[in-house]
Amino acid sequence: MDFKNSLRILKKDWKTSVKRKEILAIMSIFPVIFTIIMPILMLIGVLVDPNAFMSEFGDPALLRSILQIPAHYNDALAGAIMIIRMMVLPMFLFIPGMMPIVISSDSFAGEKERKTMEGLLLLPMTKTELILGKVLASFIPSMVISLTCFVALGIIINVMLISYLDG
């Protein structure tokens, strides 16, 4: 197996995906909504009235014990930790789950639609190299986007909660 062939497929698919407005929009808007905008809105709700927000999910004392939130944390930090653990972290599973689906479906269906599938199958490469290149073309961008959103949200959460920290 020649890994160079897989890298060539990866580069070709990446260039094709970036040129398509639909794929580029999904790759940029979807992660920002689910991993930055929605968590910020939830944290704003927590910071406005932490006790009311936590009581919507049940007894705040019980939630603190279940989520193992230290007793010396103030209500805003406890509510923020609850939101992060219960809602924000599962949202990060959407990105590595959905992005490869969108990119890979466009990869194979797009080849057929653009009538380049036949030429691709006639290239002197094994099917394993072709599949590996297509998988890498959807896996690598989704991981880069997930990591970027994770770092951005981490910075935003720390900036939003800095005034509630006790030192």
N, C-alpha and C. Protein backbone atom coordinates (compact mmCIF):
# COMPACT_ATOMS: atom_id res chain seq x y z
N MET A 1 0.84 -1.17 0.00
CA MET A 1 0.00 0.00 0.00
C MET A 1 0.89 1.24 0.00
N ASP A 2 0.61 2.15 -0.90
CA ASP A 2 1.37 3.38 -1.02
C ASP A 2 0.58 4.51 -0.37
N PHE A 3 1.10 5.02 0.72
CA PHE A 3 0.40 6.06 1.48
C PHE A 3 0.35 7.38 0.69
N LYS A 4 1.25 7.55 -0.25
CA LYS A 4 1.27 8.78 -1.05
C LYS A 4 -0.01 8.91 -1.88
N ASN A 5 -0.52 7.80 -2.38
CA ASN A 5 -1.76 7.84 -3.15
C ASN A 5 -2.93 8.31 -2.27
N SER A 6 -2.95 7.83 -1.04
CA SER A 6 -4.01 8.26 -0.12
C SER A 6 -3.90 9.75 0.18
N LEU A 7 -2.68 10.24 0.32
CA LEU A 7 -2.49 11.67 0.56
C LEU A 7 -2.91 12.50 -0.65
N ARG A 8 -2.70 11.97 -1.84
CA ARG A 8 -3.14 12.68 -3.05
C ARG A 8 -4.66 12.78 -3.10
N ILE A 9 -5.33 11.69 -2.74
CA ILE A 9 -6.80 11.70 -2.68
C ILE A 9 -7.26 12.69 -1.62
N LEU A 10 -6.59 12.70 -0.48
CA LEU A 10 -6.94 13.62 0.59
C LEU A 10 -6.83 15.06 0.11
N LYS A 11 -5.75 15.42 -0.52
CA LYS A 11 -5.56 16.79 -1.02
C LYS A 11 -6.61 17.15 -2.06
N LYS A 12 -6.88 16.23 -2.97
CA LYS A 12 -7.88 16.50 -4.01
C LYS A 12 -9.26 16.69 -3.40
N ASP A 13 -9.63 15.84 -2.47
CA ASP A 13 -10.94 15.96 -1.83
C ASP A 13 -11.03 17.24 -0.99
N TRP A 14 -9.96 17.60 -0.32
CA TRP A 14 -9.97 18.81 0.48
C TRP A 14 -10.16 20.04 -0.39
N LYS A 15 -9.44 20.08 -1.51
CA LYS A 15 -9.59 21.23 -2.42
C LYS A 15 -11.01 21.30 -2.98
N THR A 16 -11.58 20.16 -3.29
CA THR A 16 -12.94 20.13 -3.81
C THR A 16 -13.95 20.55 -2.75
N SER A 17 -13.76 20.10 -1.51
CA SER A 17 -14.69 20.44 -0.44
C SER A 17 -14.65 21.93 -0.12
N VAL A 18 -13.48 22.51 -0.13
CA VAL A 18 -13.35 23.93 0.20
C VAL A 18 -13.98 24.80 -0.88
N LYS A 19 -13.98 24.33 -2.12
CA LYS A 19 -14.57 25.11 -3.23
C LYS A 19 -16.10 25.10 -3.18
N ARG A 20 -16.68 24.08 -2.59
CA ARG A 20 -18.15 23.98 -2.54
C ARG A 20 -18.69 24.81 -1.40
N LYS A 21 -19.57 25.76 -1.72
CA LYS A 21 -20.12 26.67 -0.73
C LYS A 21 -20.96 25.95 0.32
N GLU A 22 -21.69 24.94 -0.11
CA GLU A 22 -22.55 24.21 0.81
C GLU A 22 -21.74 23.51 1.89
N ILE A 23 -20.69 22.84 1.47
CA ILE A 23 -19.85 22.11 2.42
C ILE A 23 -19.11 23.08 3.32
N LEU A 24 -18.59 24.14 2.76
CA LEU A 24 -17.87 25.14 3.53
C LEU A 24 -18.78 25.81 4.55
N ALA A 25 -20.04 26.05 4.18
CA ALA A 25 -21.00 26.65 5.12
C ALA A 25 -21.28 25.70 6.27
N ILE A 26 -21.46 24.43 5.98
CA ILE A 26 -21.72 23.45 7.03
C ILE A 26 -20.49 23.30 7.93
N MET A 27 -19.31 23.33 7.33
CA MET A 27 -18.09 23.18 8.11
C MET A 27 -17.80 24.39 8.99
N SER A 28 -18.39 25.53 8.70
CA SER A 28 -18.12 26.71 9.52
C SER A 28 -19.30 27.09 10.41
N ILE A 29 -20.51 27.06 9.91
CA ILE A 29 -21.66 27.52 10.69
C ILE A 29 -22.10 26.50 11.73
N PHE A 30 -22.20 25.25 11.37
CA PHE A 30 -22.66 24.19 12.27
C PHE A 30 -21.82 24.11 13.55
N PRO A 31 -20.49 24.04 13.46
CA PRO A 31 -19.70 23.98 14.69
C PRO A 31 -19.82 25.24 15.55
N VAL A 32 -19.89 26.40 14.93
CA VAL A 32 -19.98 27.64 15.69
C VAL A 32 -21.30 27.70 16.47
N ILE A 33 -22.38 27.26 15.85
CA ILE A 33 -23.67 27.29 16.54
C ILE A 33 -23.69 26.33 17.71
N PHE A 34 -23.26 25.08 17.48
CA PHE A 34 -23.38 24.06 18.52
C PHE A 34 -22.31 24.12 19.59
N THR A 35 -21.14 24.66 19.29
CA THR A 35 -20.07 24.62 20.28
C THR A 35 -19.68 25.98 20.82
N ILE A 36 -20.20 27.05 20.26
CA ILE A 36 -19.86 28.36 20.80
C ILE A 36 -21.11 29.16 21.16
N ILE A 37 -22.02 29.36 20.23
CA ILE A 37 -23.18 30.22 20.48
C ILE A 37 -24.12 29.62 21.52
N MET A 38 -24.53 28.36 21.34
CA MET A 38 -25.45 27.74 22.29
C MET A 38 -24.87 27.65 23.71
N PRO A 39 -23.61 27.22 23.88
CA PRO A 39 -23.05 27.22 25.25
C PRO A 39 -22.96 28.62 25.87
N ILE A 40 -22.66 29.63 25.06
CA ILE A 40 -22.61 31.00 25.60
C ILE A 40 -23.98 31.42 26.08
N LEU A 41 -25.02 31.12 25.30
CA LEU A 41 -26.38 31.47 25.72
C LEU A 41 -26.77 30.74 27.00
N MET A 42 -26.37 29.47 27.11
CA MET A 42 -26.67 28.72 28.33
C MET A 42 -25.94 29.32 29.53
N LEU A 43 -24.68 29.70 29.34
CA LEU A 43 -23.93 30.28 30.44
C LEU A 43 -24.48 31.65 30.84
N ILE A 44 -24.96 32.41 29.89
CA ILE A 44 -25.59 33.68 30.23
C ILE A 44 -26.83 33.42 31.09
N GLY A 45 -27.60 32.40 30.74
CA GLY A 45 -28.75 32.03 31.56
C GLY A 45 -28.36 31.63 32.97
N VAL A 46 -27.24 30.95 33.10
CA VAL A 46 -26.76 30.55 34.43
C VAL A 46 -26.31 31.77 35.21
N LEU A 47 -25.59 32.67 34.57
CA LEU A 47 -25.04 33.82 35.28
C LEU A 47 -26.09 34.85 35.67
N VAL A 48 -27.22 34.89 34.96
CA VAL A 48 -28.29 35.82 35.31
C VAL A 48 -28.92 35.43 36.64
N ASP A 49 -29.30 34.17 36.77
CA ASP A 49 -29.90 33.68 38.03
C ASP A 49 -29.52 32.21 38.21
N PRO A 50 -28.37 31.95 38.86
CA PRO A 50 -27.89 30.57 38.98
C PRO A 50 -28.83 29.64 39.74
N ASN A 51 -29.42 30.13 40.83
CA ASN A 51 -30.30 29.26 41.63
C ASN A 51 -31.55 28.86 40.86
N ALA A 52 -32.16 29.82 40.17
CA ALA A 52 -33.36 29.50 39.39
C ALA A 52 -33.02 28.54 38.26
N PHE A 53 -31.88 28.75 37.64
CA PHE A 53 -31.47 27.88 36.53
C PHE A 53 -31.21 26.46 37.02
N MET A 54 -30.48 26.33 38.14
CA MET A 54 -30.19 24.99 38.66
C MET A 54 -31.44 24.30 39.18
N SER A 55 -32.36 25.07 39.76
CA SER A 55 -33.58 24.45 40.30
C SER A 55 -34.49 23.91 39.20
N GLU A 56 -34.31 24.41 37.97
CA GLU A 56 -35.08 23.87 36.84
C GLU A 56 -34.70 22.41 36.56
N PHE A 57 -33.50 22.02 36.93
CA PHE A 57 -33.03 20.65 36.69
C PHE A 57 -33.19 19.75 37.90
N GLY A 58 -33.70 20.29 38.98
CA GLY A 58 -33.90 19.50 40.19
C GLY A 58 -33.33 20.21 41.39
N ASP A 59 -33.17 19.47 42.48
CA ASP A 59 -32.64 20.03 43.72
C ASP A 59 -31.17 20.41 43.53
N PRO A 60 -30.81 21.69 43.73
CA PRO A 60 -29.43 22.11 43.52
C PRO A 60 -28.42 21.36 44.40
N ALA A 61 -28.80 21.04 45.64
CA ALA A 61 -27.88 20.30 46.52
C ALA A 61 -27.64 18.90 45.98
N LEU A 62 -28.68 18.26 45.48
CA LEU A 62 -28.54 16.93 44.90
C LEU A 62 -27.69 16.97 43.63
N LEU A 63 -27.90 17.99 42.81
CA LEU A 63 -27.10 18.14 41.59
C LEU A 63 -25.63 18.36 41.92
N ARG A 64 -25.36 19.14 42.96
CA ARG A 64 -23.97 19.36 43.36
C ARG A 64 -23.30 18.05 43.77
N SER A 65 -24.04 17.21 44.47
CA SER A 65 -23.44 15.95 44.91
C SER A 65 -23.30 14.96 43.76
N ILE A 66 -24.27 14.90 42.89
CA ILE A 66 -24.20 13.97 41.75
C ILE A 66 -23.07 14.36 40.80
N LEU A 67 -22.94 15.66 40.52
CA LEU A 67 -21.91 16.13 39.60
C LEU A 67 -20.57 16.38 40.28
N GLN A 68 -20.49 16.09 41.59
CA GLN A 68 -19.27 16.24 42.38
C GLN A 68 -18.69 17.65 42.29
N ILE A 69 -19.56 18.63 42.47
CA ILE A 69 -19.14 20.02 42.48
C ILE A 69 -18.73 20.37 43.90
N PRO A 70 -17.52 20.88 44.09
CA PRO A 70 -17.08 21.21 45.46
C PRO A 70 -18.02 22.18 46.15
N ALA A 71 -18.18 22.00 47.46
CA ALA A 71 -19.14 22.79 48.24
C ALA A 71 -18.75 24.26 48.33
N HIS A 72 -17.46 24.56 48.21
CA HIS A 72 -17.03 25.96 48.36
C HIS A 72 -17.21 26.79 47.08
N TYR A 73 -17.67 26.16 46.00
CA TYR A 73 -17.93 26.92 44.77
C TYR A 73 -19.21 27.74 44.95
N ASN A 74 -19.19 28.96 44.45
CA ASN A 74 -20.40 29.77 44.52
C ASN A 74 -21.44 29.24 43.52
N ASP A 75 -22.65 29.79 43.61
CA ASP A 75 -23.75 29.27 42.79
C ASP A 75 -23.50 29.44 41.29
N ALA A 76 -22.89 30.54 40.90
CA ALA A 76 -22.63 30.77 39.48
C ALA A 76 -21.65 29.73 38.93
N LEU A 77 -20.59 29.45 39.67
CA LEU A 77 -19.63 28.44 39.22
C LEU A 77 -20.25 27.05 39.21
N ALA A 78 -21.05 26.75 40.23
CA ALA A 78 -21.71 25.45 40.29
C ALA A 78 -22.66 25.28 39.11
N GLY A 79 -23.42 26.32 38.79
CA GLY A 79 -24.32 26.27 37.63
C GLY A 79 -23.56 26.14 36.33
N ALA A 80 -22.44 26.86 36.22
CA ALA A 80 -21.63 26.78 35.00
C ALA A 80 -21.05 25.39 34.82
N ILE A 81 -20.56 24.80 35.90
CA ILE A 81 -20.01 23.44 35.82
C ILE A 81 -21.10 22.45 35.45
N MET A 82 -22.29 22.64 36.01
CA MET A 82 -23.41 21.76 35.67
C MET A 82 -23.73 21.85 34.19
N ILE A 83 -23.81 23.06 33.65
CA ILE A 83 -24.11 23.24 32.23
C ILE A 83 -23.01 22.64 31.37
N ILE A 84 -21.77 22.86 31.74
CA ILE A 84 -20.65 22.35 30.94
C ILE A 84 -20.66 20.83 30.92
N ARG A 85 -20.84 20.22 32.08
CA ARG A 85 -20.79 18.75 32.15
C ARG A 85 -22.01 18.08 31.53
N MET A 86 -23.19 18.68 31.69
CA MET A 86 -24.41 18.03 31.24
C MET A 86 -24.78 18.36 29.81
N MET A 87 -24.43 19.54 29.32
CA MET A 87 -24.92 19.96 28.01
C MET A 87 -23.82 20.31 27.01
N VAL A 88 -22.81 21.02 27.46
CA VAL A 88 -21.80 21.50 26.52
C VAL A 88 -20.92 20.37 26.01
N LEU A 89 -20.42 19.55 26.91
CA LEU A 89 -19.54 18.46 26.47
C LEU A 89 -20.22 17.49 25.51
N PRO A 90 -21.49 17.10 25.74
CA PRO A 90 -22.14 16.26 24.73
C PRO A 90 -22.30 16.94 23.37
N MET A 91 -22.42 18.27 23.36
CA MET A 91 -22.53 18.97 22.07
C MET A 91 -21.26 18.83 21.24
N PHE A 92 -20.13 18.67 21.92
CA PHE A 92 -18.89 18.50 21.17
C PHE A 92 -18.84 17.16 20.44
N LEU A 93 -19.68 16.23 20.82
CA LEU A 93 -19.75 14.96 20.10
C LEU A 93 -20.44 15.11 18.75
N PHE A 94 -21.24 16.17 18.60
CA PHE A 94 -21.91 16.39 17.31
C PHE A 94 -20.90 16.68 16.21
N ILE A 95 -19.88 17.44 16.52
CA ILE A 95 -18.95 17.89 15.48
C ILE A 95 -18.17 16.72 14.88
N PRO A 96 -17.45 15.92 15.70
CA PRO A 96 -16.75 14.79 15.07
C PRO A 96 -17.70 13.71 14.55
N GLY A 97 -18.95 13.77 14.96
CA GLY A 97 -19.92 12.80 14.45
C GLY A 97 -20.57 13.23 13.14
N MET A 98 -20.88 14.51 13.03
CA MET A 98 -21.61 15.00 11.85
C MET A 98 -20.71 15.46 10.71
N MET A 99 -19.58 16.07 11.03
CA MET A 99 -18.73 16.61 9.98
C MET A 99 -18.23 15.53 9.01
N PRO A 100 -17.74 14.38 9.50
CA PRO A 100 -17.31 13.37 8.54
C PRO A 100 -18.45 12.84 7.67
N ILE A 101 -19.65 12.80 8.22
CA ILE A 101 -20.79 12.33 7.43
C ILE A 101 -21.04 13.26 6.25
N VAL A 102 -21.02 14.55 6.52
CA VAL A 102 -21.27 15.53 5.47
C VAL A 102 -20.16 15.51 4.43
N ILE A 103 -18.91 15.51 4.90
CA ILE A 103 -17.78 15.58 3.98
C ILE A 103 -17.66 14.30 3.16
N SER A 104 -17.78 13.15 3.80
CA SER A 104 -17.62 11.90 3.06
C SER A 104 -18.78 11.64 2.11
N SER A 105 -19.98 12.04 2.49
CA SER A 105 -21.09 11.84 1.56
C SER A 105 -20.92 12.72 0.33
N ASP A 106 -20.41 13.93 0.54
CA ASP A 106 -20.12 14.78 -0.61
C ASP A 106 -18.95 14.22 -1.41
N SER A 107 -18.04 13.57 -0.74
CA SER A 107 -16.86 13.04 -1.42
C SER A 107 -17.26 11.98 -2.45
N PHE A 108 -18.01 10.97 -2.02
CA PHE A 108 -18.38 9.90 -2.96
C PHE A 108 -19.51 10.32 -3.89
N ALA A 109 -20.55 10.95 -3.33
CA ALA A 109 -21.67 11.37 -4.18
C ALA A 109 -21.23 12.49 -5.12
N GLY A 110 -20.34 13.35 -4.64
CA GLY A 110 -19.83 14.42 -5.48
C GLY A 110 -19.00 13.91 -6.64
N GLU A 111 -18.24 12.85 -6.40
CA GLU A 111 -17.47 12.23 -7.50
C GLU A 111 -18.43 11.72 -8.57
N LYS A 112 -19.49 11.10 -8.16
CA LYS A 112 -20.47 10.58 -9.12
C LYS A 112 -21.18 11.73 -9.83
N GLU A 113 -21.53 12.77 -9.07
CA GLU A 113 -22.23 13.91 -9.64
C GLU A 113 -21.37 14.69 -10.62
N ARG A 114 -20.09 14.84 -10.31
CA ARG A 114 -19.18 15.57 -11.19
C ARG A 114 -18.62 14.70 -12.31
N LYS A 115 -19.05 13.44 -12.32
CA LYS A 115 -18.63 12.46 -13.33
C LYS A 115 -17.10 12.25 -13.33
N THR A 116 -16.53 12.21 -12.13
CA THR A 116 -15.09 11.94 -12.00
C THR A 116 -14.83 10.60 -11.31
N MET A 117 -15.88 9.90 -10.93
CA MET A 117 -15.73 8.62 -10.24
C MET A 117 -15.06 7.57 -11.13
N GLU A 118 -15.44 7.52 -12.39
CA GLU A 118 -14.88 6.51 -13.29
C GLU A 118 -13.38 6.73 -13.46
N GLY A 119 -12.99 7.97 -13.64
CA GLY A 119 -11.56 8.28 -13.77
C GLY A 119 -10.80 7.98 -12.50
N LEU A 120 -11.43 8.19 -11.37
CA LEU A 120 -10.79 7.91 -10.09
C LEU A 120 -10.60 6.41 -9.89
N LEU A 121 -11.58 5.63 -10.29
CA LEU A 121 -11.48 4.18 -10.13
C LEU A 121 -10.48 3.55 -11.09
N LEU A 122 -10.17 4.23 -12.18
CA LEU A 122 -9.20 3.70 -13.14
C LEU A 122 -7.75 4.04 -12.79
N LEU A 123 -7.55 4.85 -11.77
CA LEU A 123 -6.19 5.20 -11.37
C LEU A 123 -5.46 3.97 -10.83
N PRO A 124 -4.15 3.93 -11.00
CA PRO A 124 -3.39 2.76 -10.51
C PRO A 124 -3.19 2.81 -8.99
N MET A 125 -4.26 2.57 -8.27
CA MET A 125 -4.19 2.51 -6.80
C MET A 125 -5.18 1.46 -6.32
N THR A 126 -4.90 0.97 -5.14
CA THR A 126 -5.80 -0.05 -4.58
C THR A 126 -7.03 0.62 -3.99
N LYS A 127 -8.05 -0.19 -3.77
CA LYS A 127 -9.27 0.34 -3.16
C LYS A 127 -9.01 0.79 -1.73
N THR A 128 -8.09 0.11 -1.06
CA THR A 128 -7.73 0.49 0.30
C THR A 128 -7.14 1.89 0.34
N GLU A 129 -6.27 2.21 -0.60
CA GLU A 129 -5.67 3.55 -0.67
C GLU A 129 -6.74 4.60 -0.95
N LEU A 130 -7.67 4.26 -1.82
CA LEU A 130 -8.76 5.19 -2.15
C LEU A 130 -9.63 5.45 -0.93
N ILE A 131 -10.04 4.39 -0.25
CA ILE A 131 -10.89 4.54 0.94
C ILE A 131 -10.15 5.28 2.05
N LEU A 132 -8.87 4.95 2.25
CA LEU A 132 -8.08 5.63 3.28
C LEU A 132 -7.98 7.13 2.99
N GLY A 133 -7.76 7.49 1.75
CA GLY A 133 -7.69 8.90 1.37
C GLY A 133 -9.01 9.61 1.61
N LYS A 134 -10.12 8.95 1.28
CA LYS A 134 -11.44 9.54 1.49
C LYS A 134 -11.76 9.67 2.98
N VAL A 135 -11.38 8.67 3.77
CA VAL A 135 -11.62 8.72 5.21
C VAL A 135 -10.80 9.83 5.85
N LEU A 136 -9.54 9.92 5.47
CA LEU A 136 -8.69 10.98 6.02
C LEU A 136 -9.18 12.37 5.61
N ALA A 137 -9.74 12.48 4.42
CA ALA A 137 -10.25 13.78 3.95
C ALA A 137 -11.45 14.23 4.76
N SER A 138 -12.15 13.32 5.39
CA SER A 138 -13.28 13.72 6.23
C SER A 138 -12.89 13.74 7.71
N PHE A 139 -11.95 12.92 8.12
CA PHE A 139 -11.57 12.82 9.53
C PHE A 139 -10.71 14.01 9.98
N ILE A 140 -9.70 14.35 9.23
CA ILE A 140 -8.76 15.39 9.64
C ILE A 140 -9.44 16.76 9.78
N PRO A 141 -10.23 17.21 8.79
CA PRO A 141 -10.89 18.51 8.99
C PRO A 141 -11.85 18.53 10.17
N SER A 142 -12.57 17.43 10.40
CA SER A 142 -13.51 17.42 11.52
C SER A 142 -12.77 17.48 12.86
N MET A 143 -11.62 16.84 12.97
CA MET A 143 -10.85 16.90 14.20
C MET A 143 -10.23 18.29 14.40
N VAL A 144 -9.77 18.90 13.34
CA VAL A 144 -9.20 20.25 13.43
C VAL A 144 -10.29 21.25 13.84
N ILE A 145 -11.46 21.13 13.24
CA ILE A 145 -12.57 22.02 13.58
C ILE A 145 -13.00 21.79 15.03
N SER A 146 -13.09 20.54 15.46
CA SER A 146 -13.47 20.24 16.84
C SER A 146 -12.47 20.82 17.83
N LEU A 147 -11.20 20.64 17.57
CA LEU A 147 -10.16 21.16 18.46
C LEU A 147 -10.19 22.69 18.51
N THR A 148 -10.38 23.31 17.37
CA THR A 148 -10.45 24.77 17.31
C THR A 148 -11.64 25.30 18.11
N CYS A 149 -12.79 24.68 17.94
CA CYS A 149 -13.98 25.10 18.69
C CYS A 149 -13.82 24.85 20.18
N PHE A 150 -13.17 23.75 20.53
CA PHE A 150 -12.94 23.44 21.94
C PHE A 150 -12.06 24.50 22.60
N VAL A 151 -10.98 24.86 21.94
CA VAL A 151 -10.08 25.89 22.48
C VAL A 151 -10.80 27.24 22.57
N ALA A 152 -11.54 27.59 21.52
CA ALA A 152 -12.26 28.87 21.52
C ALA A 152 -13.28 28.91 22.65
N LEU A 153 -14.04 27.84 22.83
CA LEU A 153 -15.04 27.83 23.90
C LEU A 153 -14.37 27.84 25.27
N GLY A 154 -13.25 27.14 25.41
CA GLY A 154 -12.52 27.17 26.68
C GLY A 154 -12.09 28.57 27.05
N ILE A 155 -11.60 29.32 26.08
CA ILE A 155 -11.19 30.71 26.33
C ILE A 155 -12.41 31.56 26.68
N ILE A 156 -13.50 31.38 25.94
CA ILE A 156 -14.71 32.17 26.19
C ILE A 156 -15.28 31.88 27.58
N ILE A 157 -15.34 30.61 27.97
CA ILE A 157 -15.87 30.26 29.29
C ILE A 157 -15.01 30.85 30.39
N ASN A 158 -13.69 30.76 30.22
CA ASN A 158 -12.81 31.32 31.25
C ASN A 158 -12.96 32.83 31.35
N VAL A 159 -13.12 33.51 30.24
CA VAL A 159 -13.31 34.96 30.27
C VAL A 159 -14.66 35.31 30.91
N MET A 160 -15.70 34.53 30.60
CA MET A 160 -17.02 34.82 31.16
C MET A 160 -17.06 34.58 32.67
N LEU A 161 -16.31 33.59 33.16
CA LEU A 161 -16.39 33.21 34.56
C LEU A 161 -15.26 33.77 35.42
N ILE A 162 -14.36 34.56 34.84
CA ILE A 162 -13.20 35.03 35.61
C ILE A 162 -13.59 35.86 36.82
N SER A 163 -14.66 36.61 36.71
CA SER A 163 -15.08 37.46 37.84
C SER A 163 -15.71 36.64 38.97
N TYR A 164 -16.11 35.40 38.69
CA TYR A 164 -16.73 34.56 39.71
C TYR A 164 -15.71 33.66 40.41
N LEU A 165 -14.49 33.64 39.93
CA LEU A 165 -13.46 32.84 40.57
C LEU A 165 -12.93 33.56 41.80
N ASP A 166 -12.55 32.79 42.79
CA ASP A 166 -12.10 33.38 44.05
C ASP A 166 -10.59 33.52 44.13
N GLY A 167 -9.91 33.53 43.03
CA GLY A 167 -8.45 33.71 43.09
C GLY A 167 -7.70 32.67 42.44
